[in-house]
């Protein structure tokens, strides 16, 4: 069912590339202008509910039976969820976003000022911090909770049973799950497109290889062979090993950059930007620039709304993947780690590479005019060990590319098989080919703009589903907390074969 609209869109993109680009541009602009506030509200709702659940007694509920234990070490678990959730985007925008906010268009002040530098890091923290991970965390929590605690099929539709009851097993469920698959394909394809473009930029910088669509297609083909090989080996082998390697390489790259860069400035801006982020978090979460200039409103739509759409579009994929590796953890532990650890890592990343980018940049600097995909390598070129940094960055992007596609292939196979985790290698290969083909088609016919347009458009209907997911899981957690008489300590627990389900009573009432 999900493939029907997907195939139609791909046909339109190939047959009418210019019209496709214009139409998607118009739809994207319409959604950004008229529904940007809605994206902001949905994401902030995820943050609020996440914090409430962490500090509420319901946070003691375990994702699984009362005696369940985690299947992966905390390091491997964090490495896998981080690689799936950020990956290429962090490397792609790690230096380019702060530099853009500082030197091209400042969100709230004048470019090339100390305040612009602080705002550049503050908003980069905001876009990759707690808000993003709250979206991932709520979807992942819902799927893990209903899968391991309620013994339901790990589909998005199952998480809506407290609201719709048995109707999730009919047309409502089919539509929700189809949209989940569609959003996953588009979100991951966008990331693969970004990765191919940046790998091409790095190869151009190091070896003079031409930057072109043809080269990017070859990169996608080679990467596809690698990630399909990893995908068929399963999560325990391919994804876990690649994710651990990702984290170690990323830490090594940050350490080298910190040592060769303006270390004192990096440390000072990191601390001050953390304070500014915490101080202005609420205001930034609701900022539409309604009373600002047209340029400021455009900035919000181009950056904050785009990012919120990206995280929402990626949330079903990341949510299903994180859920499948999180059995045995308490909800409090689950949400606390998801919100804080990747966010802090991102803050350090942006502080190092953002400060490297902004340090010494003047209005006449050629780096400002570079394409975003080239900026990281242009910035490295201004410091010692530029070649080593660039090689490490390319390797990191390639591994992130493979990890994201690998994880998405596994997730799509599970979703298309109605939650069956023992999916065949054939299904994984088919989904891997679909992902690679989608990234290639959208790159050829729309470039990065086409990829980003489809991403924002797809995120809108799923944002409505996300809001329902948040309400549904919170409703069910409150019900189970009451059934367990859980305040300081639970007075009773559900049995393995008889979990507490509010919607079971609802279904019986409907039948009567």
Protein backbone atom coordinates (compact mmCIF):
# COMPACT_ATOMS: atom_id res chain seq x y z
CA UNK A 1 0.00 0.00 0.00
CA UNK A 2 2.85 2.40 0.85
CA UNK A 3 4.53 1.72 -2.48
CA UNK A 4 1.60 2.96 -4.59
CA UNK A 5 1.87 6.71 -3.77
CA UNK A 6 5.63 6.32 -3.56
CA UNK A 7 5.89 4.92 -7.10
CA UNK A 8 3.53 7.62 -8.41
CA UNK A 9 5.74 10.36 -6.95
CA UNK A 10 8.89 8.80 -8.39
CA UNK A 11 7.27 8.58 -11.84
CA UNK A 12 6.31 12.26 -11.66
CA UNK A 13 9.83 13.21 -10.55
CA UNK A 14 11.35 11.38 -13.53
CA UNK A 15 8.77 12.35 -16.17
CA UNK A 16 8.34 16.02 -15.23
CA UNK A 17 11.46 17.08 -13.28
CA UNK A 18 11.01 20.85 -13.61
CA UNK A 19 7.30 20.81 -12.86
CA UNK A 20 7.95 18.42 -9.99
CA UNK A 21 10.50 20.82 -8.51
CA UNK A 22 8.19 23.81 -8.86
CA UNK A 23 5.17 22.03 -7.38
CA UNK A 24 7.14 20.65 -4.41
CA UNK A 25 8.65 24.10 -3.84
CA UNK A 26 5.17 25.61 -3.71
CA UNK A 27 3.84 22.95 -1.33
CA UNK A 28 6.90 23.27 0.90
CA UNK A 29 6.52 27.06 1.09
CA UNK A 30 2.81 26.74 1.83
CA UNK A 31 3.37 24.28 4.67
CA UNK A 32 6.25 26.31 6.12
CA UNK A 33 4.27 29.56 6.10
CA UNK A 34 0.86 28.27 7.21
CA UNK A 35 1.77 25.30 9.44
CA UNK A 36 5.21 26.12 10.80
CA UNK A 37 3.59 26.93 14.15
CA UNK A 38 2.07 23.43 14.18
CA UNK A 39 5.48 21.76 13.80
CA UNK A 40 6.75 23.88 16.70
CA UNK A 41 3.83 22.87 18.93
CA UNK A 42 4.11 19.15 18.15
CA UNK A 43 7.85 19.06 18.87
CA UNK A 44 7.46 21.04 22.11
CA UNK A 45 4.68 18.64 23.16
CA UNK A 46 7.17 15.77 22.77
CA UNK A 47 9.65 17.60 25.02
CA UNK A 48 7.05 18.33 27.72
CA UNK A 49 5.66 14.79 27.85
CA UNK A 50 9.18 13.31 27.87
CA UNK A 51 10.19 15.42 30.88
CA UNK A 52 6.94 14.64 32.73
CA UNK A 53 7.39 10.89 32.22
CA UNK A 54 11.04 10.99 33.34
CA UNK A 55 10.20 12.61 36.69
CA UNK A 56 6.85 10.88 37.24
CA UNK A 57 6.59 7.49 38.98
CA UNK A 58 5.52 5.97 35.63
CA UNK A 59 9.16 6.36 34.59
CA UNK A 60 9.90 3.27 36.71
CA UNK A 61 7.94 1.06 34.32
CA UNK A 62 10.26 -1.30 32.45
CA UNK A 63 10.20 -1.86 28.69
CA UNK A 64 9.49 -5.54 29.01
CA UNK A 65 8.60 -7.92 31.79
CA UNK A 66 9.52 -6.79 35.34
CA UNK A 67 12.69 -8.94 35.34
CA UNK A 68 13.86 -8.00 31.82
CA UNK A 69 17.48 -6.90 31.34
CA UNK A 70 19.05 -4.82 28.52
CA UNK A 71 20.38 -6.83 25.58
CA UNK A 72 23.19 -4.40 24.70
CA UNK A 73 25.80 -2.54 26.71
CA UNK A 74 25.02 1.11 27.35
CA UNK A 75 27.89 2.22 25.08
CA UNK A 76 26.77 0.07 22.14
CA UNK A 77 23.14 1.08 22.70
CA UNK A 78 23.96 4.80 22.66
CA UNK A 79 26.28 4.36 19.67
CA UNK A 80 23.57 2.62 17.65
CA UNK A 81 20.78 5.05 18.48
CA UNK A 82 23.04 8.05 17.83
CA UNK A 83 24.28 6.71 14.49
CA UNK A 84 20.74 6.04 13.35
CA UNK A 85 19.34 9.33 14.66
CA UNK A 86 21.90 11.88 13.46
CA UNK A 87 24.72 10.44 11.45
CA UNK A 88 25.30 12.23 8.18
CA UNK A 89 23.33 15.35 9.12
CA UNK A 90 25.67 16.18 12.01
CA UNK A 91 28.77 15.91 9.83
CA UNK A 92 27.10 17.72 6.92
CA UNK A 93 25.96 20.71 9.00
CA UNK A 94 28.45 20.58 11.90
CA UNK A 95 30.56 23.45 10.58
CA UNK A 96 28.29 24.81 7.85
CA UNK A 97 25.27 25.67 10.02
CA UNK A 98 27.05 27.80 12.65
CA UNK A 99 29.03 29.52 9.88
CA UNK A 100 25.83 30.28 7.97
CA UNK A 101 24.15 31.77 11.06
CA UNK A 102 27.28 33.82 11.78
CA UNK A 103 28.28 35.04 8.33
CA UNK A 104 25.34 34.66 5.92
CA UNK A 105 22.07 35.31 7.78
CA UNK A 106 21.98 35.69 11.57
CA UNK A 107 18.73 34.53 13.21
CA UNK A 108 18.30 37.55 15.48
CA UNK A 109 21.20 40.01 15.20
CA UNK A 110 23.83 41.39 12.78
CA UNK A 111 26.27 39.03 11.06
CA UNK A 112 29.97 38.97 12.01
CA UNK A 113 29.39 40.07 15.61
CA UNK A 114 30.18 38.30 18.88
CA UNK A 115 26.44 37.98 19.50
CA UNK A 116 26.00 36.40 16.07
CA UNK A 117 28.67 33.84 16.96
CA UNK A 118 26.93 33.00 20.24
CA UNK A 119 23.53 32.79 18.52
CA UNK A 120 25.01 30.58 15.80
CA UNK A 121 26.02 27.96 18.33
CA UNK A 122 22.88 28.42 20.45
CA UNK A 123 20.57 27.73 17.52
CA UNK A 124 22.71 24.84 16.30
CA UNK A 125 22.38 23.32 19.78
CA UNK A 126 18.64 23.96 19.60
CA UNK A 127 18.21 22.25 16.23
CA UNK A 128 20.21 19.14 17.17
CA UNK A 129 19.47 18.99 20.88
CA UNK A 130 16.73 17.89 23.23
CA UNK A 131 13.85 18.84 20.92
CA UNK A 132 15.06 16.54 18.14
CA UNK A 133 15.70 13.66 20.50
CA UNK A 134 12.35 14.14 22.24
CA UNK A 135 10.66 13.45 18.89
CA UNK A 136 12.73 10.31 18.40
CA UNK A 137 12.32 9.32 22.02
CA UNK A 138 8.52 9.52 22.06
CA UNK A 139 8.12 7.41 18.92
CA UNK A 140 10.72 4.91 20.13
CA UNK A 141 9.12 4.77 23.59
CA UNK A 142 5.68 4.15 22.12
CA UNK A 143 6.87 1.28 19.93
CA UNK A 144 9.08 -0.31 22.61
CA UNK A 145 6.37 0.06 25.27
CA UNK A 146 3.66 -1.56 23.19
CA UNK A 147 5.99 -4.22 21.82
CA UNK A 148 7.72 -5.38 25.00
CA UNK A 149 5.20 -4.36 27.66
CA UNK A 150 1.86 -4.83 25.87
CA UNK A 151 3.02 -7.68 23.58
CA UNK A 152 1.75 -5.90 20.48
CA UNK A 153 3.09 -5.96 16.93
CA UNK A 154 5.88 -3.31 16.68
CA UNK A 155 4.08 -1.09 14.18
CA UNK A 156 3.14 2.56 14.58
CA UNK A 157 -0.54 1.64 14.29
CA UNK A 158 -0.30 -0.56 17.40
CA UNK A 159 0.72 2.46 19.48
CA UNK A 160 -2.63 4.12 18.73
CA UNK A 161 -4.78 1.37 20.23
CA UNK A 162 -5.55 3.32 23.44
CA UNK A 163 -7.24 5.91 21.20
CA UNK A 164 -8.75 3.89 18.34
CA UNK A 165 -8.92 0.40 19.85
CA UNK A 166 -9.71 -2.40 17.40
CA UNK A 167 -10.02 0.08 14.53
CA UNK A 168 -6.22 0.20 14.27
CA UNK A 169 -6.45 -3.30 12.78
CA UNK A 170 -8.50 -1.97 9.87
CA UNK A 171 -8.14 0.89 7.42
CA UNK A 172 -6.83 3.34 10.02
CA UNK A 173 -3.95 1.01 10.81
CA UNK A 174 -3.17 0.38 7.14
CA UNK A 175 -2.99 4.10 6.39
CA UNK A 176 -0.81 4.85 9.43
CA UNK A 177 1.65 2.03 8.70
CA UNK A 178 1.79 2.90 5.00
CA UNK A 179 2.57 6.51 5.81
CA UNK A 180 5.25 5.33 8.25
CA UNK A 181 6.98 3.33 5.53
CA UNK A 182 6.67 6.22 3.08
CA UNK A 183 8.11 8.72 5.58
CA UNK A 184 10.99 6.36 6.37
CA UNK A 185 11.94 5.91 2.72
CA UNK A 186 11.86 9.66 2.03
CA UNK A 187 13.70 10.62 5.23
CA UNK A 188 16.51 8.11 4.77
CA UNK A 189 16.76 8.81 1.02
CA UNK A 190 17.30 12.49 1.85
CA UNK A 191 20.10 11.60 4.23
CA UNK A 192 21.71 9.31 1.66
CA UNK A 193 21.54 12.08 -0.92
CA UNK A 194 23.23 14.52 1.48
CA UNK A 195 25.89 11.92 2.25
CA UNK A 196 26.65 11.21 -1.39
CA UNK A 197 27.03 14.92 -2.13
CA UNK A 198 29.40 15.48 0.79
CA UNK A 199 31.49 12.38 0.08
CA UNK A 200 31.85 13.67 -3.49
CA UNK A 201 32.94 17.07 -2.11
CA UNK A 202 35.56 15.43 0.09
CA UNK A 203 36.92 13.34 -2.77
CA UNK A 204 37.07 16.48 -4.90
CA UNK A 205 39.05 18.27 -2.19
CA UNK A 206 41.48 15.39 -1.61
CA UNK A 207 41.90 13.89 -5.07
CA UNK A 208 40.38 16.36 -7.50
CA UNK A 209 37.52 14.04 -8.46
CA UNK A 210 34.83 15.95 -10.33
CA UNK A 211 31.74 16.99 -8.41
CA UNK A 212 28.81 15.73 -10.47
CA UNK A 213 25.61 13.73 -10.32
CA UNK A 214 27.33 10.82 -12.08
CA UNK A 215 30.01 10.57 -9.39
CA UNK A 216 27.37 10.79 -6.67
CA UNK A 217 25.41 7.94 -8.28
CA UNK A 218 28.57 5.79 -8.31
CA UNK A 219 29.07 6.61 -4.61
CA UNK A 220 25.49 5.53 -3.86
CA UNK A 221 25.95 2.27 -5.78
CA UNK A 222 29.19 1.38 -3.96
CA UNK A 223 27.73 2.33 -0.58
CA UNK A 224 24.60 0.30 -1.35
CA UNK A 225 26.64 -2.85 -1.89
CA UNK A 226 28.37 -2.25 1.45
CA UNK A 227 25.24 -1.50 3.50
CA UNK A 228 23.30 -4.41 1.97
CA UNK A 229 26.14 -6.73 2.95
CA UNK A 230 25.92 -5.36 6.48
CA UNK A 231 22.12 -5.44 6.60
CA UNK A 232 21.81 -9.13 5.81
CA UNK A 233 24.24 -9.92 8.65
CA UNK A 234 21.79 -8.49 11.23
CA UNK A 235 21.86 -5.84 13.97
CA UNK A 236 24.15 -7.76 16.33
CA UNK A 237 26.94 -7.88 13.76
CA UNK A 238 26.79 -5.16 11.12
CA UNK A 239 24.98 -2.25 12.77
CA UNK A 240 26.52 -2.66 16.23
CA UNK A 241 30.10 -2.87 14.95
CA UNK A 242 29.65 0.04 12.54
CA UNK A 243 27.98 2.19 15.19
CA UNK A 244 30.75 1.61 17.73
CA UNK A 245 33.31 2.49 15.04
CA UNK A 246 31.34 5.66 14.22
CA UNK A 247 31.46 6.95 17.78
CA UNK A 248 35.17 6.23 18.21
CA UNK A 249 36.04 7.92 14.89
CA UNK A 250 33.85 10.93 15.71
CA UNK A 251 35.55 11.34 19.11
CA UNK A 252 38.99 11.07 17.47
CA UNK A 253 38.06 13.70 14.88
CA UNK A 254 36.77 16.05 17.59
CA UNK A 255 39.88 15.62 19.74
CA UNK A 256 42.24 16.41 16.85
CA UNK A 257 40.15 19.42 15.81
CA UNK A 258 40.04 20.69 19.40
CA UNK A 259 43.83 20.46 19.79
CA UNK A 260 44.72 22.17 16.49
CA UNK A 261 41.95 24.76 16.73
CA UNK A 262 41.37 27.73 19.05
CA UNK A 263 40.93 25.48 22.08
CA UNK A 264 40.27 28.24 24.61
CA UNK A 265 37.64 29.88 22.39
CA UNK A 266 36.00 26.50 21.84
CA UNK A 267 35.76 25.84 25.58
CA UNK A 268 34.49 29.35 26.36
CA UNK A 269 31.88 29.38 23.62
CA UNK A 270 30.74 25.86 24.57
CA UNK A 271 30.01 26.93 28.15
CA UNK A 272 28.41 30.25 27.22
CA UNK A 273 26.32 28.70 24.45
CA UNK A 274 25.03 26.02 26.81
CA UNK A 275 23.87 28.77 29.16
CA UNK A 276 22.24 30.73 26.32
CA UNK A 277 20.52 27.56 25.06
CA UNK A 278 19.10 26.75 28.48
CA UNK A 279 18.06 30.35 29.10
CA UNK A 280 16.31 30.80 25.74
CA UNK A 281 14.99 27.28 25.17
CA UNK A 282 11.31 28.10 25.70
CA UNK A 283 11.47 31.24 23.57
CA UNK A 284 13.26 29.46 20.72
CA UNK A 285 10.77 26.59 20.89
CA UNK A 286 7.92 28.99 20.12
CA UNK A 287 9.77 31.40 17.82
CA UNK A 288 7.96 32.00 14.52
CA UNK A 289 9.43 35.52 14.05
CA UNK A 290 5.84 36.74 13.54
CA UNK A 291 6.84 40.23 14.67
CA UNK A 292 10.21 40.11 12.93
CA UNK A 293 11.34 40.96 9.43
CA UNK A 294 10.47 38.93 6.34
CA UNK A 295 14.08 37.73 6.30
CA UNK A 296 13.83 36.48 9.90
CA UNK A 297 10.58 34.67 9.14
CA UNK A 298 12.26 33.07 6.14
CA UNK A 299 15.17 32.04 8.35
CA UNK A 300 12.83 30.23 10.76
CA UNK A 301 11.17 28.38 7.87
CA UNK A 302 14.49 27.51 6.21
CA UNK A 303 16.19 26.27 9.37
CA UNK A 304 14.00 25.49 12.39
CA UNK A 305 10.89 24.35 10.50
CA UNK A 306 13.04 22.37 8.06
CA UNK A 307 14.81 20.61 10.93
CA UNK A 308 11.59 19.85 12.78
CA UNK A 309 10.19 18.36 9.57
CA UNK A 310 13.37 16.32 9.16
CA UNK A 311 13.23 14.91 12.69
CA UNK A 312 9.51 14.13 12.37
CA UNK A 313 10.05 12.43 9.02
CA UNK A 314 12.94 10.37 10.44
CA UNK A 315 11.14 9.52 13.68
CA UNK A 316 9.33 6.35 12.51
CA UNK A 317 12.58 4.84 11.22
CA UNK A 318 14.67 5.89 14.21
CA UNK A 319 11.83 5.04 16.59
CA UNK A 320 11.41 1.48 15.33
CA UNK A 321 15.17 0.94 15.31
CA UNK A 322 15.75 2.31 18.84
CA UNK A 323 12.76 0.33 20.13
CA UNK A 324 14.21 -2.92 18.78
CA UNK A 325 17.46 -2.44 20.74
CA UNK A 326 15.97 -1.12 24.01
CA UNK A 327 14.27 -4.07 25.68
CA UNK A 328 14.81 -4.28 29.42
CA UNK A 329 15.48 -0.61 30.17
CA UNK A 330 13.22 1.44 32.41
CA UNK A 331 11.33 4.27 30.73
CA UNK A 332 13.18 6.80 32.92
CA UNK A 333 16.58 5.44 31.90
CA UNK A 334 15.46 5.15 28.29
CA UNK A 335 14.26 8.75 27.92
CA UNK A 336 17.02 10.31 30.06
CA UNK A 337 19.80 8.75 28.00
CA UNK A 338 18.06 9.50 24.70
CA UNK A 339 17.45 13.16 25.54
CA UNK A 340 20.76 14.02 27.17
CA UNK A 341 23.66 11.93 25.86
CA UNK A 342 23.29 12.50 22.08
CA UNK A 343 22.38 16.15 22.73
CA UNK A 344 25.54 16.80 24.77
CA UNK A 345 27.62 15.04 22.13
CA UNK A 346 26.08 17.29 19.46
CA UNK A 347 26.75 20.40 21.58
CA UNK A 348 30.44 19.49 21.83
CA UNK A 349 30.56 18.74 18.09
CA UNK A 350 29.06 22.08 17.08
CA UNK A 351 31.22 23.98 19.57
CA UNK A 352 34.40 22.51 18.09
CA UNK A 353 33.62 22.61 14.37
CA UNK A 354 31.45 25.72 14.56
CA UNK A 355 34.17 27.68 16.34
CA UNK A 356 36.74 26.35 13.87
CA UNK A 357 34.53 27.63 11.05
CA UNK A 358 33.76 31.06 12.52
CA UNK A 359 37.23 31.78 13.90
CA UNK A 360 38.91 34.37 11.70
CA UNK A 361 36.15 34.33 9.06
CA UNK A 362 35.70 37.78 7.51
CA UNK A 363 33.07 39.18 5.10
CA UNK A 364 35.40 38.56 2.14
CA UNK A 365 36.22 34.95 3.03
CA UNK A 366 35.74 32.55 0.08
CA UNK A 367 34.42 29.83 2.44
CA UNK A 368 31.17 31.77 2.89
CA UNK A 369 30.38 31.34 -0.80
CA UNK A 370 31.14 27.61 -0.84
CA UNK A 371 28.32 25.06 -1.18
CA UNK A 372 27.38 23.64 2.20
CA UNK A 373 28.76 20.22 1.22
CA UNK A 374 32.23 21.73 0.62
CA UNK A 375 32.48 23.98 3.68
CA UNK A 376 33.84 21.42 6.13
CA UNK A 377 36.80 20.62 3.89
CA UNK A 378 37.42 24.29 3.10
CA UNK A 379 37.52 25.02 6.85
CA UNK A 380 39.92 22.14 7.51
CA UNK A 381 42.22 23.57 4.85
CA UNK A 382 42.83 26.62 7.09
CA UNK A 383 44.34 24.49 9.89
CA UNK A 384 47.25 22.06 10.35
CA UNK A 385 46.63 18.36 9.61
CA UNK A 386 43.96 19.33 7.07
CA UNK A 387 44.46 16.17 5.01
CA UNK A 388 44.17 13.89 8.05
CA UNK A 389 41.02 15.68 9.24
CA UNK A 390 39.46 15.45 5.78
CA UNK A 391 40.25 11.74 5.41
CA UNK A 392 38.77 11.00 8.85
CA UNK A 393 35.67 13.06 7.99
CA UNK A 394 35.13 11.19 4.70
CA UNK A 395 35.52 7.81 6.40
CA UNK A 396 33.08 8.93 9.10
CA UNK A 397 30.52 10.08 6.52
CA UNK A 398 30.85 6.81 4.60
CA UNK A 399 30.30 4.73 7.75
CA UNK A 400 27.37 6.92 8.80
CA UNK A 401 25.99 6.51 5.27
CA UNK A 402 26.24 2.73 5.53
CA UNK A 403 24.90 2.62 9.11
CA UNK A 404 21.84 4.76 8.36
CA UNK A 405 20.95 2.81 5.24
CA UNK A 406 21.70 -0.49 6.97
CA UNK A 407 19.42 0.38 9.92
CA UNK A 408 16.68 1.69 7.62
CA UNK A 409 16.76 -1.47 5.51
CA UNK A 410 16.24 -3.61 8.61
CA UNK A 411 13.45 -1.33 9.88
CA UNK A 412 11.61 -1.22 6.54
CA UNK A 413 11.78 -5.00 6.29
CA UNK A 414 10.26 -5.31 9.78
CA UNK A 415 7.52 -2.76 9.04
CA UNK A 416 6.59 -4.32 5.71
CA UNK A 417 6.41 -7.78 7.33
CA UNK A 418 3.92 -6.59 9.98
CA UNK A 419 6.49 -6.41 12.75
CA UNK A 420 8.25 -9.70 12.06
CA UNK A 421 11.88 -9.33 13.14
CA UNK A 422 12.98 -12.53 11.39
CA UNK A 423 12.67 -11.01 7.94
CA UNK A 424 14.27 -12.66 4.95
CA UNK A 425 17.47 -11.39 3.37
CA UNK A 426 15.54 -10.96 0.12
CA UNK A 427 13.17 -8.41 1.68
CA UNK A 428 16.11 -6.46 3.11
CA UNK A 429 17.83 -6.39 -0.29
CA UNK A 430 14.64 -5.17 -1.99
CA UNK A 431 14.23 -2.31 0.49
CA UNK A 432 17.91 -1.44 0.20
CA UNK A 433 17.57 -1.13 -3.58
CA UNK A 434 14.44 1.01 -3.16
CA UNK A 435 16.28 3.38 -0.79
CA UNK A 436 19.26 3.75 -3.11
CA UNK A 437 17.05 4.21 -6.16
CA UNK A 438 14.98 6.88 -4.41
CA UNK A 439 18.05 8.87 -3.38
CA UNK A 440 19.40 8.63 -6.93
CA UNK A 441 16.14 9.65 -8.63
CA UNK A 442 15.57 12.61 -6.34
CA UNK A 443 19.17 13.79 -6.72
CA UNK A 444 18.97 13.63 -10.52
CA UNK A 445 15.61 15.34 -10.79
CA UNK A 446 15.65 17.84 -7.97
CA UNK A 447 19.05 17.94 -6.34
CA UNK A 448 19.18 18.71 -2.64
CA UNK A 449 16.22 21.07 -2.95
CA UNK A 450 14.06 18.26 -4.30
CA UNK A 451 15.13 15.96 -1.48
CA UNK A 452 14.39 18.57 1.18
CA UNK A 453 11.03 19.50 -0.37
CA UNK A 454 9.75 15.92 -0.26
CA UNK A 455 11.04 15.58 3.31
CA UNK A 456 9.07 18.58 4.61
CA UNK A 457 5.92 17.61 2.70
CA UNK A 458 6.00 14.04 4.05
CA UNK A 459 6.54 15.24 7.60
CA UNK A 460 3.27 17.15 7.73
CA UNK A 461 0.81 14.21 7.79
CA UNK A 462 3.12 12.25 10.05
CA UNK A 463 3.27 15.18 12.50
CA UNK A 464 -0.46 14.63 13.11
CA UNK A 465 0.19 10.95 13.75
CA UNK A 466 3.06 11.90 16.07
CA UNK A 467 0.74 14.07 18.14
CA UNK A 468 -1.68 11.15 18.45
CA UNK A 469 1.18 8.83 19.44
CA UNK A 470 2.21 11.16 22.28
CA UNK A 471 -1.36 11.36 23.60
CA UNK A 472 -1.86 7.60 23.23
CA UNK A 473 1.28 6.48 25.02
CA UNK A 474 0.79 8.98 27.85
CA UNK A 475 -2.80 7.81 28.30
CA UNK A 476 -1.70 4.17 28.48
CA UNK A 477 1.16 4.91 30.88
CA UNK A 478 -1.23 6.66 33.26
CA UNK A 479 -3.61 3.69 33.05
CA UNK A 480 -0.84 1.16 33.79
CA UNK A 481 0.54 3.27 36.62
CA UNK A 482 -2.92 3.23 38.23
CA UNK A 483 -3.30 -0.53 37.68
CA UNK A 484 0.12 -1.14 39.26
CA UNK A 485 -0.74 1.27 42.09
CA UNK A 486 2.66 2.73 41.30
CA UNK A 487 3.74 5.73 43.34
CA UNK A 488 6.88 5.19 45.40
CA UNK A 489 6.81 1.44 44.70
CA UNK A 490 4.52 -0.76 42.59
CA UNK A 491 2.07 -2.86 44.58
CA UNK A 492 1.52 -5.32 41.73
CA UNK A 493 2.90 -6.10 38.27
CA UNK A 494 1.33 -7.44 35.09
CA UNK A 495 2.03 -11.08 34.31
CA UNK A 496 3.94 -12.17 31.22
CA UNK A 497 0.84 -13.44 29.46
CA UNK A 498 -1.57 -10.83 30.78
CA UNK A 499 -0.31 -7.22 30.41
CA UNK A 500 -2.44 -4.32 31.57
CA UNK A 501 -4.28 -2.90 28.54
CA UNK A 502 -6.81 -0.10 28.77
CA UNK A 503 -8.00 -0.80 25.23
CA UNK A 504 -8.93 -4.41 25.96
CA UNK A 505 -11.81 -3.15 28.08
CA UNK A 506 -12.63 -0.65 25.35
CA UNK A 507 -12.77 -3.38 22.71
CA UNK A 508 -15.06 -5.52 24.90
CA UNK A 509 -17.40 -2.58 25.42
CA UNK A 510 -17.49 -1.95 21.66
CA UNK A 511 -18.37 -5.61 21.01
CA UNK A 512 -21.15 -5.52 23.60
